[in-house]
Every structure is written in structure tokens, then in C-alpha cells.
Amino acid sequence: MKDIPQLFLEQSRHLLGEDYLPKIDRCLARLSDEDVWWRPHETSNSIGNLLLHLRGNVGQWIVGGVGQREFERHRQREFDERSPLSARELLAQLKATLAEADDVLGSLDTESLLTHRHIQHYDLTVLEAVYHVVEHFGMHTGQIILIAKMRTGADLKLWQPPATVQPERTITDGGGA
């Protein structure tokens, strides 16, 4: 049986790379580069800004903070950017950072989750840092989905019911089922 810390790490990796990222990818596939940089008003973020911000957050918190690897971030530029980088380029950057973060998360063991890090002016455990990143990524994924729905006016069909698992049959009375 797996222990809770390893389940936490596996679920965190799953959510980032196999749940949230594919939803973002499917949204971007339905949008033009112009749509990716659209914003309802100047004080709102575009999908492009959110993608830059997610890359920066994951890089600073997981790659740099947890993994103690070199990662340079200019947080305010993530929100100030207005030049339309292509959706393809933004997605490639995010995927590369998530791959590096997945490598960091895959290298962690139970004891490392309780070690302390100083990240973005916060003193916290590795577990708290991972939890923050997964929650933060999920929140902004929802914003990206909302903007994509606003721009396309379509059901993006992002959620599929889980595959049905057939329970094992157990014969308890010796007479069959």
C-alpha cells in the first residue's frame, strides 16, 4: 500500500500534467492568437498573461523553490505583457516548465515534504509549496476555460466521466453470484 505522502505527490503531478494542462491545451486549440490576448478590459488578464503567470509561478515555486534549481522570474512582466506571443509558443514554454517541475516532484520522498523553503517571501514546507502551486494552477485553469468559453461561445467538452471500473466478484457463500 502506498503511503499518503507519495499519493499526495502522485496526485499533484497528475493534476498539473494530466488534468489541468490538457484542458488548457484543448482551450488553446479552439482559439486564435488574437483570442489568447483578448481581455474584457484593461485591468483583466488575457489567457496569454495567465499562461506566462502559470509558467512563472510553477518555475519559481517548484523548479526554483522546491527543486533549488536556477529559475529567473519577472512576475510583473507576466501581467504587463501585451505583445502577442503565439499560443503555440506560450504552451511550449509552459509545457517545458511543467516537465521540469514534474522531474522535481518525481524526485521527492516523504521526508522532503517536511523540509522548509523560502519562496517569494514565504517560509513554508515543501508540502505547502506543492499544495499552493496545484491550487493556484487549478484556479487559473478555470479562468482560462471561462475566457475560452466566452471567446468561442461553445461547450469545450473538457470533462469526461471517469472510466467505469467493474468491481471484482467475490463468492462468499460458495454458490456463485
Protein backbone atom coordinates (compact mmCIF):
# COMPACT_ATOMS: atom_id res chain seq x y z
CA MET A 1 0.00 0.00 0.00
CA LYS A 2 1.28 3.46 -0.90
CA ASP A 3 1.77 5.98 1.84
CA ILE A 4 -0.13 9.25 1.97
CA PRO A 5 2.84 11.50 1.08
CA GLN A 6 3.52 9.51 -2.10
CA LEU A 7 -0.18 9.60 -3.02
CA PHE A 8 -0.12 13.39 -2.49
CA LEU A 9 2.85 13.75 -4.85
CA GLU A 10 1.34 11.44 -7.46
CA GLN A 11 -1.97 13.29 -7.39
CA SER A 12 -0.21 16.66 -7.60
CA ARG A 13 1.75 15.51 -10.66
CA HIS A 14 -1.43 14.08 -12.20
CA LEU A 15 -3.43 17.27 -11.71
CA LEU A 16 -0.75 19.52 -13.17
CA GLY A 17 0.30 17.42 -16.15
CA GLU A 18 -2.62 15.14 -16.92
CA ASP A 19 -5.68 17.14 -15.89
CA TYR A 20 -5.10 20.92 -15.98
CA LEU A 21 -2.55 21.11 -18.81
CA PRO A 22 -4.64 19.06 -21.30
CA LYS A 23 -7.65 21.30 -20.56
CA ILE A 24 -5.55 24.38 -21.29
CA ASP A 25 -4.21 22.72 -24.45
CA ARG A 26 -7.75 21.92 -25.66
CA CYS A 27 -8.84 25.51 -24.98
CA LEU A 28 -5.92 26.92 -26.94
CA ALA A 29 -6.67 24.60 -29.86
CA ARG A 30 -10.04 26.37 -30.26
CA LEU A 31 -8.65 29.91 -30.07
CA SER A 32 -6.77 32.24 -32.38
CA ASP A 33 -3.68 34.06 -31.15
CA GLU A 34 -5.85 37.19 -31.05
CA ASP A 35 -8.29 35.40 -28.73
CA VAL A 36 -5.43 34.34 -26.47
CA TRP A 37 -4.52 38.01 -25.91
CA TRP A 38 -8.11 39.31 -25.64
CA ARG A 39 -9.21 40.82 -22.35
CA PRO A 40 -12.63 42.18 -21.38
CA HIS A 41 -11.00 45.38 -20.08
CA GLU A 42 -7.52 46.70 -19.38
CA THR A 43 -7.43 45.61 -15.73
CA SER A 44 -8.18 41.97 -16.63
CA ASN A 45 -5.68 39.32 -17.63
CA SER A 46 -5.69 37.66 -21.01
CA ILE A 47 -5.12 33.94 -21.44
CA GLY A 48 -1.64 34.88 -22.66
CA ASN A 49 -0.91 36.68 -19.39
CA LEU A 50 -2.27 33.75 -17.40
CA LEU A 51 -0.04 31.31 -19.29
CA LEU A 52 3.01 33.46 -18.60
CA HIS A 53 1.96 33.73 -14.96
CA LEU A 54 1.46 29.96 -14.56
CA ARG A 55 4.88 29.31 -16.07
CA GLY A 56 6.44 31.86 -13.70
CA ASN A 57 4.66 30.52 -10.63
CA VAL A 58 5.48 26.85 -11.30
CA GLY A 59 9.06 27.77 -12.15
CA GLN A 60 9.62 29.90 -9.07
CA TRP A 61 7.84 27.68 -6.58
CA ILE A 62 8.58 24.14 -7.76
CA VAL A 63 11.63 24.32 -10.02
CA GLY A 64 13.46 27.07 -8.15
CA GLY A 65 12.00 26.85 -4.65
CA VAL A 66 11.38 23.16 -4.10
CA GLY A 67 13.96 21.83 -6.55
CA GLN A 68 16.51 24.51 -5.71
CA ARG A 69 17.34 24.85 -9.40
CA GLU A 70 18.12 28.06 -11.21
CA PHE A 71 14.96 29.84 -12.36
CA GLU A 72 14.65 33.55 -13.08
CA ARG A 73 11.23 35.16 -12.82
CA HIS A 74 9.99 38.67 -13.51
CA ARG A 75 6.49 38.40 -12.06
CA GLN A 76 5.16 41.84 -13.02
CA ARG A 77 6.12 41.27 -16.68
CA GLU A 78 3.77 38.28 -16.75
CA PHE A 79 0.85 40.68 -16.26
CA ASP A 80 2.24 43.62 -18.24
CA GLU A 81 2.93 41.68 -21.45
CA ARG A 82 0.87 42.88 -24.40
CA SER A 83 2.92 41.68 -27.37
CA PRO A 84 1.13 38.72 -28.84
CA LEU A 85 3.40 35.76 -28.40
CA SER A 86 1.74 32.87 -30.20
CA ALA A 87 -0.39 30.40 -28.30
CA ARG A 88 1.92 27.66 -29.54
CA GLU A 89 4.97 29.41 -28.07
CA LEU A 90 3.24 30.11 -24.75
CA LEU A 91 2.10 26.50 -24.47
CA ALA A 92 5.56 25.17 -25.32
CA GLN A 93 7.11 27.32 -22.57
CA LEU A 94 4.53 26.17 -20.04
CA LYS A 95 4.98 22.51 -21.01
CA ALA A 96 8.76 22.78 -20.65
CA THR A 97 8.44 24.30 -17.18
CA LEU A 98 5.88 21.68 -16.14
CA ALA A 99 8.19 18.91 -17.36
CA GLU A 100 10.97 20.30 -15.20
CA ALA A 101 8.58 20.64 -12.24
CA ASP A 102 7.41 17.06 -12.76
CA ASP A 103 11.04 15.95 -12.60
CA VAL A 104 11.44 17.80 -9.29
CA LEU A 105 8.21 16.35 -7.87
CA GLY A 106 9.21 12.86 -9.01
CA SER A 107 12.45 13.13 -7.08
CA LEU A 108 10.81 13.96 -3.74
CA ASP A 109 10.41 11.47 -0.95
CA THR A 110 8.29 11.51 2.19
CA GLU A 111 10.88 13.24 4.34
CA SER A 112 11.49 16.02 1.82
CA LEU A 113 7.86 17.16 2.06
CA LEU A 114 8.53 18.46 5.57
CA THR A 115 11.70 20.37 4.72
CA HIS A 116 11.45 24.14 4.74
CA ARG A 117 11.96 26.52 1.85
CA HIS A 118 11.90 30.29 1.48
CA ILE A 119 9.88 31.10 -1.66
CA GLN A 120 8.59 34.51 -2.73
CA HIS A 121 8.96 35.95 0.78
CA TYR A 122 7.23 32.96 2.42
CA ASP A 123 8.76 30.39 4.77
CA LEU A 124 6.94 27.12 4.24
CA THR A 125 7.32 23.39 3.86
CA VAL A 126 7.76 21.68 0.51
CA LEU A 127 4.31 20.15 1.02
CA GLU A 128 2.79 23.61 1.43
CA ALA A 129 4.61 24.86 -1.67
CA VAL A 130 3.34 21.96 -3.81
CA TYR A 131 -0.19 22.40 -2.47
CA HIS A 132 -0.05 26.12 -3.30
CA VAL A 133 1.10 25.51 -6.87
CA VAL A 134 -1.54 22.87 -7.61
CA GLU A 135 -4.33 25.05 -6.18
CA HIS A 136 -3.04 28.14 -7.98
CA PHE A 137 -2.71 26.28 -11.29
CA GLY A 138 -6.25 24.90 -10.95
CA MET A 139 -7.70 28.35 -10.24
CA HIS A 140 -6.07 29.92 -13.30
CA THR A 141 -7.01 26.91 -15.45
CA GLY A 142 -10.62 27.72 -14.59
CA GLN A 143 -10.11 31.33 -15.66
CA ILE A 144 -8.60 30.17 -18.97
CA ILE A 145 -11.58 27.88 -19.54
CA LEU A 146 -14.02 30.71 -18.80
CA ILE A 147 -12.29 33.09 -21.23
CA ALA A 148 -12.15 30.36 -23.89
CA LYS A 149 -15.89 29.75 -23.48
CA MET A 150 -16.53 33.49 -23.75
CA ARG A 151 -14.50 33.72 -26.96
CA THR A 152 -15.88 30.60 -28.64
CA GLY A 153 -19.42 30.55 -27.30
CA ALA A 154 -19.10 26.77 -27.26
CA ASP A 155 -19.11 23.88 -24.84
CA LEU A 156 -15.45 22.90 -24.90
CA LYS A 157 -16.26 19.34 -23.75
CA LEU A 158 -13.36 19.31 -21.30
CA TRP A 159 -14.78 16.91 -18.74
CA GLN A 160 -15.34 13.26 -19.40
CA PRO A 161 -16.82 10.84 -16.89
CA PRO A 162 -14.24 8.52 -15.35
CA ALA A 163 -13.95 5.08 -16.88
CA THR A 164 -16.21 2.64 -15.13
CA VAL A 165 -14.29 0.07 -13.14
CA GLN A 166 -16.03 -3.23 -12.68
CA PRO A 167 -15.78 -4.42 -9.07
CA GLU A 168 -14.25 -7.83 -8.56
CA ARG A 169 -16.79 -10.52 -7.94
CA THR A 170 -16.41 -12.31 -4.66
CA ILE A 171 -18.10 -15.60 -3.95
CA THR A 172 -18.96 -15.68 -0.29
CA ASP A 173 -21.44 -18.48 0.01
CA GLY A 174 -19.80 -20.99 -2.28
CA GLY A 175 -22.87 -21.00 -4.51
CA GLY A 176 -21.87 -18.33 -7.02
CA ALA A 177 -23.38 -14.98 -7.61
